[in-house]
């Protein structure tokens, strides 16, 4: 974020002199301090952005390829002489912990043609599939595997899940009293 603030300062000034650069460095440092102090920003988030850039780009590439494969599959259904499709609702759950990862998976399923995420709740997912074979192995898809890897990296860096909630156990005893 420091670099972003500094670059914005230089761009808005339109020229680069020693005075502008030094003032920009001080101003960027003050802005980062302000964000950390009053907006809840953490410097670990920048590290997370750098670490997650590769897996995120990989996820987008896989999503694009899966969308192309699903498009081809739906095109085959449309032009195939087979008269009957077997639409089905598939119920499943995955071991993703963060709300963010669960929503990304739901949206990825919906973006792939032939499948629509009907519900996402604590019990899991309900996905409508155009044909029964589209729902086979959906709970162990490449999306789930990549999101689990991304969650594990975020856990190591932040000490919590990707949406910022901590998975640390509650420090209450069995009777609900503090130990």
Foldseek 3Di string as FASTA:
>chain_A
DLVVQLVVQCVVVPDDDPVSNVVSNVVSVVVVVCCVPPVVDDPLVVVLCVVCVVLVVVLVVVLVVQQVVLVVVVVCVVPPPDDDAAKDKDWDAEPADDPVLLVVLQVSQCSRPQKHFPDQDPRHTIIIGRHPVVPPCSRVDPSRVSSVVSQVVCCVRVVDGPVPDHPDDDQADPVRHHD
